[in-house]
Amino acid sequence: MKHDLKETGNLGEDIATEYLKRRGYKIIQRNCRSPFGEIDLVAQDGNTLVFVEVKTRHGCEFGFPEEAVHQKKREQLIRLATWYLMKHTKKEMPVRFDILAVELKTGEPEIRLIQNAIEVE
């Protein structure tokens, strides 16, 4: 079962990467590991650095994929982004958190991009 979940996640990230590239995002890094966990995608949209959480499901039996990004996960993503910025950026730039939901259905997957999904105070 875990192997299937990993395959589903990898497929979702492949779909997300291509989707974002078609929309003009530059993919900087995929599966960026840190002491706090992993960032699915780090991208650039214009002059904005974007941290993208990708959620993939084979249906909505357990809710929509984006609903899996609960408060604890949002807090973790902020910690991950802070770590990334300290390690990898030399200049200040705008930052955004997006969620990309992928539903794998018969035929084409359904994709929803939620920009500014996480607000940092």
PDB file of N, CA and C in Angstrom:
ATOM      1  N   MET A   1       0.818  -1.202   0.000  1.00  0.00           N
ATOM      2  CA  MET A   1       0.000   0.000   0.000  1.00  0.00           C
ATOM      3  C   MET A   1       0.861   1.265   0.000  1.00  0.00           C
ATOM      4  N   LYS A   2       1.885   1.313   0.842  1.00  0.00           N
ATOM      5  CA  LYS A   2       2.755   2.482   0.880  1.00  0.00           C
ATOM      6  C   LYS A   2       3.410   2.721  -0.467  1.00  0.00           C
ATOM      7  N   HIS A   3       3.836   1.645  -1.111  1.00  0.00           N
ATOM      8  CA  HIS A   3       4.456   1.773  -2.426  1.00  0.00           C
ATOM      9  C   HIS A   3       3.481   2.435  -3.396  1.00  0.00           C
ATOM     10  N   ASP A   4       2.212   2.043  -3.353  1.00  0.00           N
ATOM     11  CA  ASP A   4       1.203   2.639  -4.216  1.00  0.00           C
ATOM     12  C   ASP A   4       1.033   4.123  -3.914  1.00  0.00           C
ATOM     13  N   LEU A   5       1.043   4.499  -2.640  1.00  0.00           N
ATOM     14  CA  LEU A   5       0.916   5.904  -2.262  1.00  0.00           C
ATOM     15  C   LEU A   5       2.086   6.715  -2.802  1.00  0.00           C
ATOM     16  N   LYS A   6       3.278   6.155  -2.716  1.00  0.00           N
ATOM     17  CA  LYS A   6       4.470   6.846  -3.224  1.00  0.00           C
ATOM     18  C   LYS A   6       4.371   7.012  -4.741  1.00  0.00           C
ATOM     19  N   GLU A   7       3.935   5.966  -5.425  1.00  0.00           N
ATOM     20  CA  GLU A   7       3.764   6.050  -6.884  1.00  0.00           C
ATOM     21  C   GLU A   7       2.730   7.111  -7.249  1.00  0.00           C
ATOM     22  N   THR A   8       1.627   7.137  -6.499  1.00  0.00           N
ATOM     23  CA  THR A   8       0.586   8.137  -6.734  1.00  0.00           C
ATOM     24  C   THR A   8       1.150   9.533  -6.526  1.00  0.00           C
ATOM     25  N   GLY A   9       1.897   9.717  -5.445  1.00  0.00           N
ATOM     26  CA  GLY A   9       2.502  11.017  -5.157  1.00  0.00           C
ATOM     27  C   GLY A   9       3.479  11.445  -6.237  1.00  0.00           C
ATOM     28  N   ASN A  10       4.315  10.515  -6.688  1.00  0.00           N
ATOM     29  CA  ASN A  10       5.278  10.832  -7.754  1.00  0.00           C
ATOM     30  C   ASN A  10       4.574  11.202  -9.054  1.00  0.00           C
ATOM     31  N   LEU A  11       3.520  10.465  -9.386  1.00  0.00           N
ATOM     32  CA  LEU A  11       2.752  10.772 -10.592  1.00  0.00           C
ATOM     33  C   LEU A  11       2.133  12.161 -10.478  1.00  0.00           C
ATOM     34  N   GLY A  12       1.557  12.460  -9.314  1.00  0.00           N
ATOM     35  CA  GLY A  12       0.970  13.781  -9.090  1.00  0.00           C
ATOM     36  C   GLY A  12       1.992  14.895  -9.233  1.00  0.00           C
ATOM     37  N   GLU A  13       3.195  14.667  -8.719  1.00  0.00           N
ATOM     38  CA  GLU A  13       4.251  15.677  -8.832  1.00  0.00           C
ATOM     39  C   GLU A  13       4.714  15.840 -10.279  1.00  0.00           C
ATOM     40  N   ASP A  14       4.736  14.743 -11.042  1.00  0.00           N
ATOM     41  CA  ASP A  14       5.065  14.836 -12.473  1.00  0.00           C
ATOM     42  C   ASP A  14       4.028  15.697 -13.191  1.00  0.00           C
ATOM     43  N   ILE A  15       2.766  15.430 -12.914  1.00  0.00           N
ATOM     44  CA  ILE A  15       1.669  16.186 -13.535  1.00  0.00           C
ATOM     45  C   ILE A  15       1.748  17.648 -13.115  1.00  0.00           C
ATOM     46  N   ALA A  16       1.980  17.896 -11.829  1.00  0.00           N
ATOM     47  CA  ALA A  16       2.068  19.261 -11.305  1.00  0.00           C
ATOM     48  C   ALA A  16       3.215  20.027 -11.953  1.00  0.00           C
ATOM     49  N   THR A  17       4.359  19.371 -12.086  1.00  0.00           N
ATOM     50  CA  THR A  17       5.530  20.016 -12.689  1.00  0.00           C
ATOM     51  C   THR A  17       5.227  20.468 -14.114  1.00  0.00           C
ATOM     52  N   GLU A  18       4.642  19.591 -14.913  1.00  0.00           N
ATOM     53  CA  GLU A  18       4.317  19.941 -16.300  1.00  0.00           C
ATOM     54  C   GLU A  18       3.252  21.035 -16.358  1.00  0.00           C
ATOM     55  N   TYR A  19       2.260  20.941 -15.489  1.00  0.00           N
ATOM     56  CA  TYR A  19       1.185  21.937 -15.433  1.00  0.00           C
ATOM     57  C   TYR A  19       1.762  23.322 -15.148  1.00  0.00           C
ATOM     58  N   LEU A  20       2.630  23.409 -14.145  1.00  0.00           N
ATOM     59  CA  LEU A  20       3.209  24.700 -13.768  1.00  0.00           C
ATOM     60  C   LEU A  20       4.134  25.236 -14.857  1.00  0.00           C
ATOM     61  N   LYS A  21       4.910  24.367 -15.483  1.00  0.00           N
ATOM     62  CA  LYS A  21       5.793  24.801 -16.575  1.00  0.00           C
ATOM     63  C   LYS A  21       4.979  25.410 -17.715  1.00  0.00           C
ATOM     64  N   ARG A  22       3.849  24.783 -18.045  1.00  0.00           N
ATOM     65  CA  ARG A  22       2.992  25.304 -19.121  1.00  0.00           C
ATOM     66  C   ARG A  22       2.434  26.678 -18.778  1.00  0.00           C
ATOM     67  N   ARG A  23       2.363  26.988 -17.505  1.00  0.00           N
ATOM     68  CA  ARG A  23       1.854  28.282 -17.059  1.00  0.00           C
ATOM     69  C   ARG A  23       2.968  29.286 -16.778  1.00  0.00           C
ATOM     70  N   GLY A  24       4.178  28.940 -17.189  1.00  0.00           N
ATOM     71  CA  GLY A  24       5.279  29.886 -17.102  1.00  0.00           C
ATOM     72  C   GLY A  24       6.107  29.844 -15.832  1.00  0.00           C
ATOM     73  N   TYR A  25       5.801  28.919 -14.939  1.00  0.00           N
ATOM     74  CA  TYR A  25       6.619  28.773 -13.734  1.00  0.00           C
ATOM     75  C   TYR A  25       7.959  28.154 -14.126  1.00  0.00           C
ATOM     76  N   LYS A  26       9.002  28.558 -13.435  1.00  0.00           N
ATOM     77  CA  LYS A  26      10.309  27.911 -13.584  1.00  0.00           C
ATOM     78  C   LYS A  26      10.480  26.993 -12.377  1.00  0.00           C
ATOM     79  N   ILE A  27      10.642  25.706 -12.614  1.00  0.00           N
ATOM     80  CA  ILE A  27      10.826  24.751 -11.515  1.00  0.00           C
ATOM     81  C   ILE A  27      12.287  24.820 -11.076  1.00  0.00           C
ATOM     82  N   ILE A  28      12.498  25.175  -9.825  1.00  0.00           N
ATOM     83  CA  ILE A  28      13.848  25.308  -9.280  1.00  0.00           C
ATOM     84  C   ILE A  28      14.301  23.993  -8.654  1.00  0.00           C
ATOM     85  N   GLN A  29      13.410  23.376  -7.903  1.00  0.00           N
ATOM     86  CA  GLN A  29      13.782  22.136  -7.222  1.00  0.00           C
ATOM     87  C   GLN A  29      12.527  21.312  -6.948  1.00  0.00           C
ATOM     88  N   ARG A  30      12.736  20.018  -6.956  1.00  0.00           N
ATOM     89  CA  ARG A  30      11.649  19.083  -6.677  1.00  0.00           C
ATOM     90  C   ARG A  30      12.085  18.183  -5.528  1.00  0.00           C
ATOM     91  N   ASN A  31      11.175  17.919  -4.608  1.00  0.00           N
ATOM     92  CA  ASN A  31      11.449  17.060  -3.447  1.00  0.00           C
ATOM     93  C   ASN A  31      12.669  17.560  -2.677  1.00  0.00           C
ATOM     94  N   CYS A  32      12.612  18.803  -2.282  1.00  0.00           N
ATOM     95  CA  CYS A  32      13.707  19.423  -1.529  1.00  0.00           C
ATOM     96  C   CYS A  32      13.626  18.965  -0.074  1.00  0.00           C
ATOM     97  N   ARG A  33      14.630  18.206   0.343  1.00  0.00           N
ATOM     98  CA  ARG A  33      14.632  17.660   1.704  1.00  0.00           C
ATOM     99  C   ARG A  33      15.331  18.606   2.661  1.00  0.00           C
ATOM    100  N   SER A  34      14.791  18.680   3.875  1.00  0.00           N
ATOM    101  CA  SER A  34      15.366  19.497   4.942  1.00  0.00           C
ATOM    102  C   SER A  34      15.267  18.713   6.243  1.00  0.00           C
ATOM    103  N   PRO A  35      15.837  19.237   7.320  1.00  0.00           N
ATOM    104  CA  PRO A  35      15.687  18.570   8.615  1.00  0.00           C
ATOM    105  C   PRO A  35      14.231  18.524   9.095  1.00  0.00           C
ATOM    106  N   PHE A  36      13.372  19.341   8.484  1.00  0.00           N
ATOM    107  CA  PHE A  36      11.980  19.449   8.931  1.00  0.00           C
ATOM    108  C   PHE A  36      11.002  18.689   8.055  1.00  0.00           C
ATOM    109  N   GLY A  37      11.487  18.094   6.976  1.00  0.00           N
ATOM    110  CA  GLY A  37      10.596  17.394   6.057  1.00  0.00           C
ATOM    111  C   GLY A  37      10.976  17.703   4.624  1.00  0.00           C
ATOM    112  N   GLU A  38       9.990  17.678   3.750  1.00  0.00           N
ATOM    113  CA  GLU A  38      10.252  17.825   2.320  1.00  0.00           C
ATOM    114  C   GLU A  38       9.300  18.835   1.695  1.00  0.00           C
ATOM    115  N   ILE A  39       9.839  19.658   0.817  1.00  0.00           N
ATOM    116  CA  ILE A  39       9.036  20.580   0.019  1.00  0.00           C
ATOM    117  C   ILE A  39       8.834  19.903  -1.333  1.00  0.00           C
ATOM    118  N   ASP A  40       7.575  19.752  -1.758  1.00  0.00           N
ATOM    119  CA  ASP A  40       7.312  19.058  -3.021  1.00  0.00           C
ATOM    120  C   ASP A  40       7.965  19.771  -4.199  1.00  0.00           C
ATOM    121  N   LEU A  41       7.643  21.054  -4.363  1.00  0.00           N
ATOM    122  CA  LEU A  41       8.202  21.826  -5.476  1.00  0.00           C
ATOM    123  C   LEU A  41       8.575  23.226  -5.009  1.00  0.00           C
ATOM    124  N   VAL A  42       9.728  23.674  -5.455  1.00  0.00           N
ATOM    125  CA  VAL A  42      10.117  25.074  -5.294  1.00  0.00           C
ATOM    126  C   VAL A  42      10.171  25.624  -6.707  1.00  0.00           C
ATOM    127  N   ALA A  43       9.452  26.715  -6.937  1.00  0.00           N
ATOM    128  CA  ALA A  43       9.354  27.261  -8.287  1.00  0.00           C
ATOM    129  C   ALA A  43       9.469  28.777  -8.238  1.00  0.00           C
ATOM    130  N   GLN A  44       9.599  29.353  -9.419  1.00  0.00           N
ATOM    131  CA  GLN A  44       9.593  30.800  -9.525  1.00  0.00           C
ATOM    132  C   GLN A  44       8.505  31.186 -10.509  1.00  0.00           C
ATOM    133  N   ASP A  45       7.666  32.120 -10.089  1.00  0.00           N
ATOM    134  CA  ASP A  45       6.587  32.651 -10.919  1.00  0.00           C
ATOM    135  C   ASP A  45       6.846  34.145 -11.043  1.00  0.00           C
ATOM    136  N   GLY A  46       7.418  34.553 -12.155  1.00  0.00           N
ATOM    137  CA  GLY A  46       7.855  35.945 -12.289  1.00  0.00           C
ATOM    138  C   GLY A  46       9.000  36.189 -11.324  1.00  0.00           C
ATOM    139  N   ASN A  47       8.836  37.185 -10.452  1.00  0.00           N
ATOM    140  CA  ASN A  47       9.886  37.454  -9.461  1.00  0.00           C
ATOM    141  C   ASN A  47       9.546  36.871  -8.092  1.00  0.00           C
ATOM    142  N   THR A  48       8.532  36.003  -8.031  1.00  0.00           N
ATOM    143  CA  THR A  48       8.071  35.423  -6.767  1.00  0.00           C
ATOM    144  C   THR A  48       8.566  33.987  -6.624  1.00  0.00           C
ATOM    145  N   LEU A  49       9.127  33.688  -5.457  1.00  0.00           N
ATOM    146  CA  LEU A  49       9.522  32.320  -5.131  1.00  0.00           C
ATOM    147  C   LEU A  49       8.286  31.612  -4.586  1.00  0.00           C
ATOM    148  N   VAL A  50       7.959  30.463  -5.154  1.00  0.00           N
ATOM    149  CA  VAL A  50       6.722  29.766  -4.800  1.00  0.00           C
ATOM    150  C   VAL A  50       7.047  28.380  -4.244  1.00  0.00           C
ATOM    151  N   PHE A  51       6.501  28.102  -3.060  1.00  0.00           N
ATOM    152  CA  PHE A  51       6.599  26.777  -2.453  1.00  0.00           C
ATOM    153  C   PHE A  51       5.274  26.084  -2.737  1.00  0.00           C
ATOM    154  N   VAL A  52       5.336  24.946  -3.419  1.00  0.00           N
ATOM    155  CA  VAL A  52       4.122  24.269  -3.874  1.00  0.00           C
ATOM    156  C   VAL A  52       3.977  22.930  -3.160  1.00  0.00           C
ATOM    157  N   GLU A  53       2.847  22.755  -2.493  1.00  0.00           N
ATOM    158  CA  GLU A  53       2.484  21.469  -1.892  1.00  0.00           C
ATOM    159  C   GLU A  53       1.554  20.769  -2.876  1.00  0.00           C
ATOM    160  N   VAL A  54       1.939  19.580  -3.314  1.00  0.00           N
ATOM    161  CA  VAL A  54       1.148  18.814  -4.278  1.00  0.00           C
ATOM    162  C   VAL A  54       0.418  17.705  -3.530  1.00  0.00           C
ATOM    163  N   LYS A  55      -0.893  17.627  -3.729  1.00  0.00           N
ATOM    164  CA  LYS A  55      -1.698  16.559  -3.137  1.00  0.00           C
ATOM    165  C   LYS A  55      -2.418  15.828  -4.259  1.00  0.00           C
ATOM    166  N   THR A  56      -2.299  14.512  -4.245  1.00  0.00           N
ATOM    167  CA  THR A  56      -2.853  13.690  -5.325  1.00  0.00           C
ATOM    168  C   THR A  56      -3.732  12.592  -4.744  1.00  0.00           C
ATOM    169  N   ARG A  57      -4.879  12.392  -5.379  1.00  0.00           N
ATOM    170  CA  ARG A  57      -5.780  11.302  -4.975  1.00  0.00           C
ATOM    171  C   ARG A  57      -6.400  10.667  -6.206  1.00  0.00           C
ATOM    172  N   HIS A  58      -6.851   9.437  -6.000  1.00  0.00           N
ATOM    173  CA  HIS A  58      -7.521   8.696  -7.077  1.00  0.00           C
ATOM    174  C   HIS A  58      -9.022   8.937  -7.077  1.00  0.00           C
ATOM    175  N   GLY A  59      -9.499   9.827  -6.304  1.00  0.00           N
ATOM    176  CA  GLY A  59     -10.916  10.139  -6.222  1.00  0.00           C
ATOM    177  C   GLY A  59     -11.154  10.958  -4.975  1.00  0.00           C
ATOM    178  N   CYS A  60     -12.405  11.245  -4.707  1.00  0.00           N
ATOM    179  CA  CYS A  60     -12.735  12.100  -3.568  1.00  0.00           C
ATOM    180  C   CYS A  60     -13.388  11.326  -2.430  1.00  0.00           C
ATOM    181  N   GLU A  61     -13.180  10.019  -2.408  1.00  0.00           N
ATOM    182  CA  GLU A  61     -13.768   9.188  -1.356  1.00  0.00           C
ATOM    183  C   GLU A  61     -13.386   9.696   0.035  1.00  0.00           C
ATOM    184  N   PHE A  62     -12.163  10.196   0.158  1.00  0.00           N
ATOM    185  CA  PHE A  62     -11.680  10.697   1.445  1.00  0.00           C
ATOM    186  C   PHE A  62     -11.564  12.216   1.444  1.00  0.00           C
ATOM    187  N   GLY A  63     -12.296  12.884   0.571  1.00  0.00           N
ATOM    188  CA  GLY A  63     -12.251  14.341   0.466  1.00  0.00           C
ATOM    189  C   GLY A  63     -11.369  14.772  -0.698  1.00  0.00           C
ATOM    190  N   PHE A  64     -11.423  16.057  -0.973  1.00  0.00           N
ATOM    191  CA  PHE A  64     -10.611  16.604  -2.055  1.00  0.00           C
ATOM    192  C   PHE A  64      -9.143  16.619  -1.640  1.00  0.00           C
ATOM    193  N   PRO A  65      -8.231  16.473  -2.585  1.00  0.00           N
ATOM    194  CA  PRO A  65      -6.807  16.420  -2.230  1.00  0.00           C
ATOM    195  C   PRO A  65      -6.346  17.627  -1.417  1.00  0.00           C
ATOM    196  N   GLU A  66      -6.789  18.810  -1.798  1.00  0.00           N
ATOM    197  CA  GLU A  66      -6.338  20.028  -1.114  1.00  0.00           C
ATOM    198  C   GLU A  66      -6.789  20.093   0.346  1.00  0.00           C
ATOM    199  N   GLU A  67      -7.827  19.334   0.693  1.00  0.00           N
ATOM    200  CA  GLU A  67      -8.296  19.315   2.084  1.00  0.00           C
ATOM    201  C   GLU A  67      -7.308  18.612   3.011  1.00  0.00           C
ATOM    202  N   ALA A  68      -6.349  17.897   2.446  1.00  0.00           N
ATOM    203  CA  ALA A  68      -5.348  17.196   3.255  1.00  0.00           C
ATOM    204  C   ALA A  68      -4.260  18.135   3.776  1.00  0.00           C
ATOM    205  N   VAL A  69      -4.275  19.389   3.330  1.00  0.00           N
ATOM    206  CA  VAL A  69      -3.286  20.359   3.815  1.00  0.00           C
ATOM    207  C   VAL A  69      -3.905  21.073   5.018  1.00  0.00           C
ATOM    208  N   HIS A  70      -3.844  20.401   6.155  1.00  0.00           N
ATOM    209  CA  HIS A  70      -4.430  20.893   7.404  1.00  0.00           C
ATOM    210  C   HIS A  70      -3.481  21.883   8.076  1.00  0.00           C
ATOM    211  N   GLN A  71      -3.904  22.434   9.199  1.00  0.00           N
ATOM    212  CA  GLN A  71      -3.133  23.480   9.877  1.00  0.00           C
ATOM    213  C   GLN A  71      -1.719  23.031  10.246  1.00  0.00           C
ATOM    214  N   LYS A  72      -1.575  21.831  10.753  1.00  0.00           N
ATOM    215  CA  LYS A  72      -0.246  21.335  11.134  1.00  0.00           C
ATOM    216  C   LYS A  72       0.672  21.267   9.911  1.00  0.00           C
ATOM    217  N   LYS A  73       0.144  20.821   8.778  1.00  0.00           N
ATOM    218  CA  LYS A  73       0.927  20.751   7.541  1.00  0.00           C
ATOM    219  C   LYS A  73       1.295  22.153   7.071  1.00  0.00           C
ATOM    220  N   ARG A  74       0.366  23.097   7.201  1.00  0.00           N
ATOM    221  CA  ARG A  74       0.641  24.484   6.807  1.00  0.00           C
ATOM    222  C   ARG A  74       1.788  25.060   7.637  1.00  0.00           C
ATOM    223  N   GLU A  75       1.764  24.792   8.931  1.00  0.00           N
ATOM    224  CA  GLU A  75       2.833  25.271   9.813  1.00  0.00           C
ATOM    225  C   GLU A  75       4.170  24.639   9.431  1.00  0.00           C
ATOM    226  N   GLN A  76       4.150  23.357   9.083  1.00  0.00           N
ATOM    227  CA  GLN A  76       5.375  22.681   8.652  1.00  0.00           C
ATOM    228  C   GLN A  76       5.907  23.301   7.360  1.00  0.00           C
ATOM    229  N   LEU A  77       5.024  23.618   6.431  1.00  0.00           N
ATOM    230  CA  LEU A  77       5.450  24.224   5.171  1.00  0.00           C
ATOM    231  C   LEU A  77       6.116  25.579   5.402  1.00  0.00           C
ATOM    232  N   ILE A  78       5.603  26.338   6.344  1.00  0.00           N
ATOM    233  CA  ILE A  78       6.214  27.632   6.669  1.00  0.00           C
ATOM    234  C   ILE A  78       7.616  27.421   7.237  1.00  0.00           C
ATOM    235  N   ARG A  79       7.774  26.431   8.125  1.00  0.00           N
ATOM    236  CA  ARG A  79       9.109  26.120   8.668  1.00  0.00           C
ATOM    237  C   ARG A  79      10.061  25.677   7.555  1.00  0.00           C
ATOM    238  N   LEU A  80       9.572  24.834   6.662  1.00  0.00           N
ATOM    239  CA  LEU A  80      10.389  24.368   5.541  1.00  0.00           C
ATOM    240  C   LEU A  80      10.826  25.538   4.657  1.00  0.00           C
ATOM    241  N   ALA A  81       9.903  26.430   4.368  1.00  0.00           N
ATOM    242  CA  ALA A  81      10.223  27.581   3.524  1.00  0.00           C
ATOM    243  C   ALA A  81      11.244  28.492   4.203  1.00  0.00           C
ATOM    244  N   THR A  82      11.094  28.695   5.496  1.00  0.00           N
ATOM    245  CA  THR A  82      12.050  29.519   6.240  1.00  0.00           C
ATOM    246  C   THR A  82      13.440  28.908   6.150  1.00  0.00           C
ATOM    247  N   TRP A  83      13.531  27.601   6.349  1.00  0.00           N
ATOM    248  CA  TRP A  83      14.812  26.898   6.228  1.00  0.00           C
ATOM    249  C   TRP A  83      15.383  27.075   4.822  1.00  0.00           C
ATOM    250  N   TYR A  84      14.537  26.872   3.809  1.00  0.00           N
ATOM    251  CA  TYR A  84      14.994  26.976   2.420  1.00  0.00           C
ATOM    252  C   TYR A  84      15.543  28.372   2.140  1.00  0.00           C
ATOM    253  N   LEU A  85      14.821  29.390   2.566  1.00  0.00           N
ATOM    254  CA  LEU A  85      15.244  30.768   2.317  1.00  0.00           C
ATOM    255  C   LEU A  85      16.589  31.060   2.967  1.00  0.00           C
ATOM    256  N   MET A  86      16.782  30.562   4.177  1.00  0.00           N
ATOM    257  CA  MET A  86      18.047  30.784   4.876  1.00  0.00           C
ATOM    258  C   MET A  86      19.201  30.064   4.174  1.00  0.00           C
ATOM    259  N   LYS A  87      18.952  28.898   3.623  1.00  0.00           N
ATOM    260  CA  LYS A  87      19.999  28.079   3.002  1.00  0.00           C
ATOM    261  C   LYS A  87      20.282  28.424   1.537  1.00  0.00           C
ATOM    262  N   HIS A  88      19.259  28.827   0.801  1.00  0.00           N
ATOM    263  CA  HIS A  88      19.388  28.868  -0.656  1.00  0.00           C
ATOM    264  C   HIS A  88      19.220  30.230  -1.313  1.00  0.00           C
ATOM    265  N   THR A  89      18.793  31.240  -0.599  1.00  0.00           N
ATOM    266  CA  THR A  89      18.582  32.523  -1.272  1.00  0.00           C
ATOM    267  C   THR A  89      19.544  33.568  -0.731  1.00  0.00           C
ATOM    268  N   LYS A  90      20.000  34.393  -1.631  1.00  0.00           N
ATOM    269  CA  LYS A  90      20.941  35.434  -1.260  1.00  0.00           C
ATOM    270  C   LYS A  90      20.289  36.813  -1.272  1.00  0.00           C
ATOM    271  N   LYS A  91      19.136  36.912  -1.876  1.00  0.00           N
ATOM    272  CA  LYS A  91      18.459  38.205  -1.927  1.00  0.00           C
ATOM    273  C   LYS A  91      17.019  38.046  -1.458  1.00  0.00           C
ATOM    274  N   GLU A  92      16.462  39.144  -1.034  1.00  0.00           N
ATOM    275  CA  GLU A  92      15.069  39.122  -0.601  1.00  0.00           C
ATOM    276  C   GLU A  92      14.168  39.138  -1.828  1.00  0.00           C
ATOM    277  N   MET A  93      13.151  38.325  -1.783  1.00  0.00           N
ATOM    278  CA  MET A  93      12.187  38.299  -2.876  1.00  0.00           C
ATOM    279  C   MET A  93      10.823  37.899  -2.324  1.00  0.00           C
ATOM    280  N   PRO A  94       9.758  38.266  -3.023  1.00  0.00           N
ATOM    281  CA  PRO A  94       8.429  37.865  -2.566  1.00  0.00           C
ATOM    282  C   PRO A  94       8.307  36.343  -2.541  1.00  0.00           C
ATOM    283  N   VAL A  95       7.527  35.852  -1.581  1.00  0.00           N
ATOM    284  CA  VAL A  95       7.323  34.412  -1.404  1.00  0.00           C
ATOM    285  C   VAL A  95       5.831  34.126  -1.394  1.00  0.00           C
ATOM    286  N   ARG A  96       5.467  32.982  -1.967  1.00  0.00           N
ATOM    287  CA  ARG A  96       4.063  32.577  -1.994  1.00  0.00           C
ATOM    288  C   ARG A  96       3.983  31.078  -1.743  1.00  0.00           C
ATOM    289  N   PHE A  97       2.872  30.650  -1.142  1.00  0.00           N
ATOM    290  CA  PHE A  97       2.605  29.231  -0.913  1.00  0.00           C
ATOM    291  C   PHE A  97       1.385  28.839  -1.734  1.00  0.00           C
ATOM    292  N   ASP A  98       1.561  27.875  -2.632  1.00  0.00           N
ATOM    293  CA  ASP A  98       0.458  27.375  -3.448  1.00  0.00           C
ATOM    294  C   ASP A  98       0.197  25.911  -3.108  1.00  0.00           C
ATOM    295  N   ILE A  99      -1.031  25.503  -3.309  1.00  0.00           N
ATOM    296  CA  ILE A  99      -1.389  24.086  -3.227  1.00  0.00           C
ATOM    297  C   ILE A  99      -1.860  23.677  -4.618  1.00  0.00           C
ATOM    298  N   LEU A 100      -1.349  22.559  -5.092  1.00  0.00           N
ATOM    299  CA  LEU A 100      -1.787  22.039  -6.374  1.00  0.00           C
ATOM    300  C   LEU A 100      -2.420  20.674  -6.133  1.00  0.00           C
ATOM    301  N   ALA A 101      -3.719  20.596  -6.393  1.00  0.00           N
ATOM    302  CA  ALA A 101      -4.476  19.361  -6.175  1.00  0.00           C
ATOM    303  C   ALA A 101      -4.619  18.618  -7.498  1.00  0.00           C
ATOM    304  N   VAL A 102      -4.338  17.325  -7.459  1.00  0.00           N
ATOM    305  CA  VAL A 102      -4.451  16.481  -8.649  1.00  0.00           C
ATOM    306  C   VAL A 102      -5.388  15.327  -8.317  1.00  0.00           C
ATOM    307  N   GLU A 103      -6.481  15.221  -9.078  1.00  0.00           N
ATOM    308  CA  GLU A 103      -7.382  14.073  -8.959  1.00  0.00           C
ATOM    309  C   GLU A 103      -7.174  13.203 -10.189  1.00  0.00           C
ATOM    310  N   LEU A 104      -6.740  11.979  -9.939  1.00  0.00           N
ATOM    311  CA  LEU A 104      -6.509  11.036 -11.033  1.00  0.00           C
ATOM    312  C   LEU A 104      -7.826  10.340 -11.348  1.00  0.00           C
ATOM    313  N   LYS A 105      -8.340  10.627 -12.515  1.00  0.00           N
ATOM    314  CA  LYS A 105      -9.607  10.044 -12.948  1.00  0.00           C
ATOM    315  C   LYS A 105      -9.370   9.335 -14.274  1.00  0.00           C
ATOM    316  N   THR A 106     -10.384   8.656 -14.755  1.00  0.00           N
ATOM    317  CA  THR A 106     -10.288   8.059 -16.082  1.00  0.00           C
ATOM    318  C   THR A 106     -10.147   9.199 -17.082  1.00  0.00           C
ATOM    319  N   GLY A 107      -9.185   9.095 -17.948  1.00  0.00           N
ATOM    320  CA  GLY A 107      -8.929  10.183 -18.890  1.00  0.00           C
ATOM    321  C   GLY A 107      -7.958  11.181 -18.287  1.00  0.00           C
ATOM    322  N   GLU A 108      -8.212  12.442 -18.532  1.00  0.00           N
ATOM    323  CA  GLU A 108      -7.327  13.505 -18.056  1.00  0.00           C
ATOM    324  C   GLU A 108      -7.501  13.742 -16.555  1.00  0.00           C
ATOM    325  N   PRO A 109      -6.401  13.977 -15.843  1.00  0.00           N
ATOM    326  CA  PRO A 109      -6.527  14.296 -14.421  1.00  0.00           C
ATOM    327  C   PRO A 109      -7.154  15.676 -14.241  1.00  0.00           C
ATOM    328  N   GLU A 110      -7.845  15.853 -13.132  1.00  0.00           N
ATOM    329  CA  GLU A 110      -8.390  17.163 -12.789  1.00  0.00           C
ATOM    330  C   GLU A 110      -7.361  17.867 -11.910  1.00  0.00           C
ATOM    331  N   ILE A 111      -7.015  19.091 -12.289  1.00  0.00           N
ATOM    332  CA  ILE A 111      -5.967  19.835 -11.595  1.00  0.00           C
ATOM    333  C   ILE A 111      -6.541  21.153 -11.097  1.00  0.00           C
ATOM    334  N   ARG A 112      -6.267  21.457  -9.828  1.00  0.00           N
ATOM    335  CA  ARG A 112      -6.677  22.740  -9.249  1.00  0.00           C
ATOM    336  C   ARG A 112      -5.457  23.386  -8.599  1.00  0.00           C
ATOM    337  N   LEU A 113      -5.159  24.606  -9.015  1.00  0.00           N
ATOM    338  CA  LEU A 113      -4.064  25.367  -8.432  1.00  0.00           C
ATOM    339  C   LEU A 113      -4.657  26.430  -7.524  1.00  0.00           C
ATOM    340  N   ILE A 114      -4.295  26.378  -6.262  1.00  0.00           N
ATOM    341  CA  ILE A 114      -4.754  27.372  -5.295  1.00  0.00           C
ATOM    342  C   ILE A 114      -3.548  28.233  -4.942  1.00  0.00           C
ATOM    343  N   GLN A 115      -3.508  29.429  -5.520  1.00  0.00           N
ATOM    344  CA  GLN A 115      -2.402  30.337  -5.242  1.00  0.00           C
ATOM    345  C   GLN A 115      -2.638  31.053  -3.917  1.00  0.00           C
ATOM    346  N   ASN A 116      -1.552  31.416  -3.245  1.00  0.00           N
ATOM    347  CA  ASN A 116      -1.642  32.091  -1.941  1.00  0.00           C
ATOM    348  C   ASN A 116      -2.492  31.293  -0.965  1.00  0.00           C
ATOM    349  N   ALA A 117      -2.336  29.988  -0.973  1.00  0.00           N
ATOM    350  CA  ALA A 117      -3.159  29.109  -0.135  1.00  0.00           C
ATOM    351  C   ALA A 117      -2.826  29.236   1.346  1.00  0.00           C
ATOM    352  N   ILE A 118      -1.615  29.666   1.641  1.00  0.00           N
ATOM    353  CA  ILE A 118      -1.186  29.816   3.031  1.00  0.00           C
ATOM    354  C   ILE A 118      -0.696  31.241   3.211  1.00  0.00           C
ATOM    355  N   GLU A 119      -1.283  31.928   4.168  1.00  0.00           N
ATOM    356  CA  GLU A 119      -0.852  33.293   4.455  1.00  0.00           C
ATOM    357  C   GLU A 119       0.055  33.286   5.667  1.00  0.00           C
ATOM    358  N   VAL A 120       1.138  34.033   5.565  1.00  0.00           N
ATOM    359  CA  VAL A 120       2.087  34.152   6.666  1.00  0.00           C
ATOM    360  C   VAL A 120       1.960  35.552   7.230  1.00  0.00           C
ATOM    361  N   GLU A 121       1.805  35.603   8.535  1.00  0.00           N
ATOM    362  CA  GLU A 121       1.642  36.918   9.180  1.00  0.00           C
ATOM    363  C   GLU A 121       2.962  37.497   9.587  1.00  0.00           C
TER     364      GLU A 121
END
